[in-house]
Amino acid sequence: MWFGRVIGSIHFFKQTKLVNRTLINHLHLTSEVFPPPCVHMANVFVYGTLKKGQPNHYRMFDSVNGKAEFLASVYTTEKYPLVIASENNIPFLLNIPGQGHQIQGEIYKVDEQMLKFLDDFEGIPIMYQRTLIKVEVKEWEGPTEGEEKPSPGSGAEAFVYSTTTYKPEWISLPSYESYDSYGDHGLDYVTREARD
């Protein structure tokens, strides 16, 4: 009879996430009964200043922002215009599928904290919008969590920061397949620290 009340209490504590570890240890229950809280991870496609070798790449690995892990070099399955615009020469992926180029970039696995940081950094929802797109693998370098390593050309999904809130003249700007802030275009990216 007392055992039923204990089990009822454990069920209540488990549901409310107030598990009494002393009770669990006393009853010799394992972590399989009460698994640790799950950390949700998301794949994010970066194509601009957050890529390797670019001015904001360091932000992906600042632990204050959260956790990020490089997975693969990829390109978008659909074509999009990637333009450099504004007085700060910011790369914008215009959310106009079917125009422009298949965009080259990188996929990172990020935790919820990094995803929130990226949402803030990218100015969601005014400057950019976060949407899910399909990408194709060029080269997979990251872990695969027990699965087979994705081969070149295989598909994946990732969030991307693109914009639907652009000035009409941006559509006629040169479109790039791959962004490099130090490229031949002569449009040097102005870092946030250097802006007014």
Protein backbone atom coordinates (compact mmCIF):
# COMPACT_ATOMS: atom_id res chain seq x y z
CA MET A 1 0.00 0.00 0.00
CA TRP A 2 2.78 2.47 0.91
CA PHE A 3 4.56 1.49 -2.30
CA GLY A 4 1.59 2.66 -4.42
CA ARG A 5 1.67 6.07 -2.74
CA VAL A 6 5.43 6.32 -3.41
CA ILE A 7 4.93 5.44 -7.07
CA GLY A 8 2.12 8.00 -7.27
CA SER A 9 4.42 10.60 -5.74
CA ILE A 10 7.21 9.75 -8.16
CA HIS A 11 4.79 10.08 -11.08
CA PHE A 12 3.69 13.52 -9.79
CA PHE A 13 7.29 14.67 -9.30
CA LYS A 14 8.32 13.39 -12.71
CA GLN A 15 5.47 15.22 -14.43
CA THR A 16 6.23 18.48 -12.66
CA LYS A 17 10.00 18.02 -13.08
CA LEU A 18 10.49 18.19 -9.33
CA VAL A 19 12.00 14.74 -8.98
CA ASN A 20 13.32 14.05 -5.52
CA ARG A 21 16.77 12.58 -6.24
CA THR A 22 17.02 11.21 -2.68
CA LEU A 23 13.91 9.13 -3.25
CA ILE A 24 15.23 7.94 -6.61
CA ASN A 25 18.57 6.94 -5.08
CA HIS A 26 16.85 5.25 -2.12
CA LEU A 27 14.67 3.18 -4.44
CA HIS A 28 17.68 2.46 -6.73
CA LEU A 29 15.95 3.85 -9.80
CA THR A 30 18.14 4.52 -12.80
CA SER A 31 18.42 7.47 -15.16
CA GLU A 32 16.50 5.37 -17.70
CA VAL A 33 13.39 5.90 -15.59
CA PHE A 34 14.11 9.63 -15.25
CA PRO A 35 16.24 10.70 -18.24
CA PRO A 36 18.13 14.02 -18.04
CA PRO A 37 16.38 17.01 -19.62
CA CYS A 38 16.80 17.10 -23.40
CA VAL A 39 18.67 19.98 -25.01
CA HIS A 40 17.09 20.80 -28.35
CA MET A 41 19.53 21.35 -31.20
CA ALA A 42 18.85 22.90 -34.60
CA ASN A 43 20.76 23.07 -37.87
CA VAL A 44 21.46 26.58 -39.14
CA PHE A 45 22.75 27.47 -42.62
CA VAL A 46 25.10 30.48 -42.64
CA TYR A 47 26.16 32.16 -45.89
CA GLY A 48 27.59 35.56 -44.90
CA THR A 49 29.64 37.13 -42.14
CA LEU A 50 29.15 34.14 -39.79
CA LYS A 51 31.03 31.72 -42.11
CA LYS A 52 34.60 30.58 -41.48
CA GLY A 53 37.10 33.34 -42.26
CA GLN A 54 34.47 36.10 -42.06
CA PRO A 55 34.20 39.01 -39.58
CA ASN A 56 31.46 37.56 -37.34
CA HIS A 57 32.53 33.91 -37.34
CA TYR A 58 33.92 34.23 -33.80
CA ARG A 59 30.37 34.80 -32.54
CA MET A 60 29.51 31.19 -33.40
CA PHE A 61 32.03 29.95 -30.83
CA ASP A 62 31.59 32.47 -28.03
CA SER A 63 30.23 30.27 -25.22
CA VAL A 64 28.29 33.24 -23.80
CA ASN A 65 26.12 33.04 -26.96
CA GLY A 66 25.53 29.29 -26.67
CA LYS A 67 26.91 26.21 -28.37
CA ALA A 68 27.61 25.71 -32.08
CA GLU A 69 29.27 22.85 -33.92
CA PHE A 70 30.36 22.93 -37.57
CA LEU A 71 28.78 20.11 -39.57
CA ALA A 72 29.25 20.63 -43.30
CA SER A 73 29.92 22.80 -46.32
CA VAL A 74 26.71 22.92 -48.33
CA TYR A 75 24.79 24.84 -50.99
CA THR A 76 21.10 25.65 -51.25
CA THR A 77 18.95 23.28 -53.30
CA GLU A 78 17.03 26.24 -54.72
CA LYS A 79 18.47 29.40 -56.22
CA TYR A 80 18.26 32.67 -54.27
CA PRO A 81 19.64 36.18 -54.83
CA LEU A 82 22.50 36.90 -52.41
CA VAL A 83 23.23 40.62 -52.50
CA ILE A 84 25.40 43.08 -50.60
CA ALA A 85 23.33 46.08 -49.53
CA SER A 86 22.93 49.01 -47.13
CA GLU A 87 25.53 51.56 -46.08
CA ASN A 88 27.20 48.78 -44.02
CA ASN A 89 27.60 46.36 -46.96
CA ILE A 90 25.63 43.59 -45.30
CA PRO A 91 25.02 40.30 -47.17
CA PHE A 92 21.31 39.60 -47.60
CA LEU A 93 19.79 36.41 -48.95
CA LEU A 94 16.56 37.63 -50.53
CA ASN A 95 13.74 35.16 -50.01
CA ILE A 96 12.94 34.90 -53.72
CA PRO A 97 13.31 31.18 -54.55
CA GLY A 98 14.20 30.43 -58.16
CA GLN A 99 16.21 33.62 -58.79
CA GLY A 100 19.96 34.12 -58.38
CA HIS A 101 22.29 31.22 -57.56
CA GLN A 102 22.53 28.11 -55.47
CA ILE A 103 24.18 29.73 -52.43
CA GLN A 104 27.28 28.21 -50.86
CA GLY A 105 27.52 28.20 -47.08
CA GLU A 106 27.96 26.12 -43.96
CA ILE A 107 25.68 24.19 -41.60
CA TYR A 108 26.13 24.43 -37.84
CA LYS A 109 24.30 22.48 -35.16
CA VAL A 110 23.33 25.00 -32.48
CA ASP A 111 21.63 24.80 -29.10
CA GLU A 112 18.58 26.83 -28.07
CA GLN A 113 20.72 29.54 -26.47
CA MET A 114 22.75 30.06 -29.67
CA LEU A 115 19.58 30.03 -31.78
CA LYS A 116 18.12 32.78 -29.60
CA PHE A 117 21.38 34.74 -29.88
CA LEU A 118 21.32 34.38 -33.68
CA ASP A 119 17.68 35.49 -33.81
CA ASP A 120 18.64 38.65 -31.87
CA PHE A 121 21.86 39.17 -33.85
CA GLU A 122 20.01 38.88 -37.17
CA GLY A 123 17.25 41.26 -36.11
CA ILE A 124 14.32 38.84 -36.25
CA PRO A 125 11.67 39.60 -37.50
CA ILE A 126 12.41 43.06 -38.92
CA MET A 127 15.75 42.69 -40.71
CA TYR A 128 15.70 38.93 -41.36
CA GLN A 129 13.24 36.09 -41.02
CA ARG A 130 14.28 32.56 -39.96
CA THR A 131 12.88 29.92 -42.32
CA LEU A 132 13.59 26.28 -43.08
CA ILE A 133 15.28 25.47 -46.39
CA LYS A 134 16.75 22.44 -48.14
CA VAL A 135 20.48 22.25 -48.77
CA GLU A 136 22.80 19.76 -50.47
CA VAL A 137 26.02 18.54 -48.90
CA LYS A 138 29.35 19.44 -50.51
CA GLU A 139 31.49 17.97 -47.74
CA TRP A 140 30.38 16.65 -44.35
CA GLU A 141 32.93 17.08 -41.56
CA GLY A 142 30.84 16.97 -38.38
CA PRO A 143 29.67 14.04 -36.26
CA THR A 144 26.78 11.92 -37.46
CA GLU A 145 25.48 10.50 -34.13
CA GLY A 146 25.62 6.86 -35.13
CA GLU A 147 24.26 7.45 -38.61
CA GLU A 148 26.16 7.06 -41.85
CA LYS A 149 28.11 10.14 -42.92
CA PRO A 150 26.08 12.09 -45.51
CA SER A 151 27.66 11.84 -48.95
CA PRO A 152 28.19 14.76 -51.35
CA GLY A 153 24.90 15.67 -53.03
CA SER A 154 22.74 14.27 -50.24
CA GLY A 155 20.06 16.53 -48.83
CA ALA A 156 19.54 18.14 -45.44
CA GLU A 157 17.33 20.81 -43.90
CA ALA A 158 18.46 23.85 -41.97
CA PHE A 159 17.21 27.19 -40.78
CA VAL A 160 18.39 30.22 -42.75
CA TYR A 161 18.19 33.93 -42.07
CA SER A 162 16.80 35.47 -45.24
CA THR A 163 14.75 38.58 -45.83
CA THR A 164 11.43 39.48 -47.37
CA THR A 165 11.75 43.07 -46.11
CA TYR A 166 14.17 44.48 -48.68
CA LYS A 167 14.21 47.64 -50.75
CA PRO A 168 12.90 47.13 -54.32
CA GLU A 169 16.22 48.21 -55.87
CA TRP A 170 18.06 45.36 -54.11
CA ILE A 171 16.63 42.92 -56.68
CA SER A 172 18.74 44.58 -59.38
CA LEU A 173 22.00 44.44 -57.35
CA PRO A 174 24.69 41.92 -58.37
CA SER A 175 23.94 38.47 -56.96
CA TYR A 176 26.70 36.25 -55.57
CA GLU A 177 27.00 32.49 -55.30
CA SER A 178 29.36 32.74 -52.33
CA TYR A 179 29.87 35.71 -50.00
CA ASP A 180 33.30 36.93 -48.95
CA SER A 181 33.49 40.23 -47.07
CA TYR A 182 37.04 40.64 -48.41
CA GLY A 183 36.08 39.79 -52.01
CA ASP A 184 36.80 41.52 -55.32
CA HIS A 185 33.46 43.35 -55.13
CA GLY A 186 35.16 46.12 -53.09
CA LEU A 187 32.22 46.35 -50.67
CA ASP A 188 33.94 45.93 -47.32
CA TYR A 189 31.59 44.86 -44.54
CA VAL A 190 31.30 47.44 -41.76
CA THR A 191 31.40 45.64 -38.42
CA ARG A 192 28.88 46.51 -35.73
CA GLU A 193 31.65 47.91 -33.58
CA ALA A 194 32.67 50.34 -36.36
CA ARG A 195 29.14 51.65 -37.02
CA ASP A 196 27.87 54.97 -35.64
